Amino acid sequence: MNAPLLILNPGSRLPWAQAQRMLAPPTPLGAAIGGLISLALAVLVVGLIAATVSLYQQRRRRHAEARELERQLSAAFLRDPRLTGIVLTPTIRIPLSPGRPMEIAIAGAISRAELRAVVLQIAREETKYSEGETVLEDRLTVSSTVPPVAA
């Protein structure tokens, strides 16, 4: 305690306010620590907000890439003359963690089992240049009700 000791007696000539000012320490340590804690919390909140915004933008970008890849796959299936008249639906699932691969499920009914290899080959070729790793999931069914396609 570096504050000067002031003994108050009834005959003292110092006013009461001046005596209180002399007794109080100039800068309390608790206020400085409180200020540092407030500053650290503000920096932490700003950092959390920045990280959340970054993750949100990354997720949005991955969803946009997935929708574009779905469009590319659908267009590639429509361009191939062996698949004329067959409805194939690519569906892409994006995992929550950015390091995991996108899962591409290709669903539809085909008339011959040989077309399965054609569909998967087209999908592999289209996803070859996509960013990140992809996993193909075959949900194709061979159905006799699908009209045969002229090869």
Protein backbone atom coordinates (compact mmCIF):
# COMPACT_ATOMS: atom_id res chain seq x y z
CA MET A 1 0.00 0.00 0.00
CA ASN A 2 1.65 3.12 -1.22
CA ALA A 3 -1.23 5.42 -0.32
CA PRO A 4 -0.34 7.96 2.33
CA LEU A 5 -1.91 7.38 5.67
CA LEU A 6 -4.10 10.25 6.77
CA ILE A 7 -5.40 10.39 10.26
CA LEU A 8 -8.62 12.29 10.46
CA ASN A 9 -9.31 14.17 13.60
CA PRO A 10 -11.98 16.68 14.33
CA GLY A 11 -9.49 19.54 14.35
CA SER A 12 -8.09 18.79 10.93
CA ARG A 13 -8.23 21.61 8.39
CA LEU A 14 -8.49 19.40 5.27
CA PRO A 15 -11.90 19.23 3.62
CA TRP A 16 -13.54 15.83 3.56
CA ALA A 17 -13.38 15.43 -0.27
CA GLN A 18 -9.64 16.12 -0.31
CA ALA A 19 -9.10 13.60 2.47
CA GLN A 20 -10.99 10.92 0.51
CA ARG A 21 -8.94 11.64 -2.62
CA MET A 22 -5.73 11.12 -0.70
CA LEU A 23 -6.92 7.79 0.73
CA ALA A 24 -8.01 6.24 -2.62
CA PRO A 25 -5.26 4.57 -4.70
CA PRO A 26 -4.73 6.34 -8.05
CA THR A 27 -5.42 3.28 -10.36
CA PRO A 28 -7.00 0.13 -8.97
CA LEU A 29 -5.49 -3.12 -10.25
CA GLY A 30 -8.94 -4.69 -10.58
CA ALA A 31 -10.02 -2.08 -13.13
CA ALA A 32 -6.95 -2.77 -15.28
CA ILE A 33 -7.55 -6.51 -15.17
CA GLY A 34 -11.22 -5.97 -16.00
CA GLY A 35 -10.26 -3.85 -18.99
CA LEU A 36 -7.88 -6.52 -20.26
CA ILE A 37 -10.53 -9.21 -19.86
CA SER A 38 -13.05 -7.06 -21.74
CA LEU A 39 -10.56 -6.50 -24.55
CA ALA A 40 -9.76 -10.23 -24.74
CA LEU A 41 -13.48 -11.10 -24.88
CA ALA A 42 -14.06 -8.54 -27.65
CA VAL A 43 -11.18 -10.00 -29.69
CA LEU A 44 -12.54 -13.52 -29.11
CA VAL A 45 -16.06 -12.55 -30.23
CA VAL A 46 -14.73 -10.84 -33.37
CA GLY A 47 -12.60 -13.93 -34.13
CA LEU A 48 -15.59 -16.26 -33.69
CA ILE A 49 -17.73 -14.12 -35.97
CA ALA A 50 -15.00 -14.06 -38.63
CA ALA A 51 -14.56 -17.84 -38.43
CA THR A 52 -18.32 -18.41 -38.69
CA VAL A 53 -18.62 -16.13 -41.72
CA SER A 54 -15.67 -17.89 -43.37
CA LEU A 55 -17.18 -21.35 -42.78
CA TYR A 56 -20.56 -20.16 -44.07
CA GLN A 57 -19.01 -18.77 -47.27
CA GLN A 58 -17.01 -21.96 -47.80
CA ARG A 59 -20.13 -24.08 -47.35
CA ARG A 60 -22.07 -21.85 -49.75
CA ARG A 61 -19.30 -22.16 -52.33
CA ARG A 62 -19.29 -25.96 -51.99
CA HIS A 63 -23.09 -26.06 -52.48
CA ALA A 64 -22.78 -23.93 -55.62
CA GLU A 65 -20.07 -26.27 -56.95
CA ALA A 66 -22.27 -29.28 -56.21
CA ARG A 67 -25.24 -27.80 -58.08
CA GLU A 68 -22.99 -26.98 -61.05
CA LEU A 69 -21.61 -30.53 -61.05
CA GLU A 70 -25.18 -31.92 -60.98
CA ARG A 71 -25.99 -29.81 -64.05
CA GLN A 72 -22.84 -31.00 -65.82
CA LEU A 73 -23.65 -34.64 -65.11
CA SER A 74 -27.25 -34.27 -66.31
CA ALA A 75 -26.06 -32.58 -69.50
CA ALA A 76 -23.45 -35.30 -70.10
CA PHE A 77 -26.10 -38.02 -69.72
CA LEU A 78 -28.37 -36.22 -72.20
CA ARG A 79 -25.54 -35.81 -74.75
CA ASP A 80 -24.71 -39.51 -74.91
CA PRO A 81 -26.79 -41.19 -77.65
CA ARG A 82 -26.70 -44.55 -75.83
CA LEU A 83 -28.72 -43.05 -72.98
CA THR A 84 -31.45 -41.43 -75.07
CA GLY A 85 -34.85 -41.75 -73.44
CA ILE A 86 -33.44 -42.77 -70.03
CA VAL A 87 -34.01 -40.46 -67.08
CA LEU A 88 -30.97 -40.35 -64.81
CA THR A 89 -30.85 -38.16 -61.72
CA PRO A 90 -27.52 -37.24 -60.12
CA THR A 91 -27.80 -36.10 -56.50
CA ILE A 92 -24.79 -34.69 -54.66
CA ARG A 93 -24.48 -34.74 -50.88
CA ILE A 94 -21.92 -32.47 -49.27
CA PRO A 95 -20.58 -33.53 -45.86
CA LEU A 96 -20.42 -31.07 -42.98
CA SER A 97 -16.65 -31.24 -42.64
CA PRO A 98 -14.78 -29.70 -45.57
CA GLY A 99 -12.13 -32.43 -45.78
CA ARG A 100 -14.53 -35.27 -46.62
CA PRO A 101 -15.44 -36.16 -50.22
CA MET A 102 -18.70 -35.25 -51.95
CA GLU A 103 -21.01 -38.23 -52.49
CA ILE A 104 -22.68 -38.46 -55.89
CA ALA A 105 -25.69 -40.77 -56.12
CA ILE A 106 -26.89 -41.58 -59.63
CA ALA A 107 -30.45 -42.89 -59.68
CA GLY A 108 -32.56 -44.10 -62.54
CA ALA A 109 -33.89 -47.11 -64.40
CA ILE A 110 -31.91 -48.53 -67.31
CA SER A 111 -32.99 -51.14 -69.83
CA ARG A 112 -29.77 -53.20 -69.97
CA ALA A 113 -27.08 -53.98 -67.42
CA GLU A 114 -24.39 -52.92 -69.92
CA LEU A 115 -25.58 -49.33 -69.67
CA ARG A 116 -24.56 -49.25 -65.99
CA ALA A 117 -20.86 -49.18 -66.96
CA VAL A 118 -21.57 -46.45 -69.53
CA VAL A 119 -23.33 -44.25 -66.97
CA LEU A 120 -20.59 -44.70 -64.35
CA GLN A 121 -17.85 -44.02 -66.91
CA ILE A 122 -19.52 -40.78 -67.98
CA ALA A 123 -19.86 -39.75 -64.33
CA ARG A 124 -16.17 -40.50 -63.65
CA GLU A 125 -15.11 -38.45 -66.66
CA GLU A 126 -17.22 -35.47 -65.61
CA THR A 127 -16.01 -35.54 -61.99
CA LYS A 128 -12.37 -36.03 -62.92
CA TYR A 129 -11.72 -32.28 -63.02
CA SER A 130 -13.95 -31.25 -60.14
CA GLU A 131 -12.36 -29.72 -57.09
CA GLY A 132 -11.92 -32.16 -54.23
CA GLU A 133 -12.59 -35.85 -53.98
CA THR A 134 -15.85 -37.44 -55.06
CA VAL A 135 -17.43 -40.83 -54.33
CA LEU A 136 -19.88 -42.32 -56.84
CA GLU A 137 -22.86 -44.26 -55.53
CA ASP A 138 -24.69 -46.50 -58.00
CA ARG A 139 -28.48 -46.44 -57.51
CA LEU A 140 -29.30 -47.63 -61.02
CA THR A 141 -31.89 -50.34 -61.49
CA VAL A 142 -32.29 -52.60 -64.50
CA SER A 143 -35.94 -52.56 -65.45
CA SER A 144 -37.66 -54.33 -68.29
CA THR A 145 -40.33 -51.62 -68.45
CA VAL A 146 -37.82 -49.09 -69.77
CA PRO A 147 -37.94 -49.11 -73.57
CA PRO A 148 -34.71 -50.37 -75.11
CA VAL A 149 -32.51 -47.74 -76.63
CA ALA A 150 -31.06 -48.19 -80.11
CA ALA A 151 -27.30 -48.35 -79.83
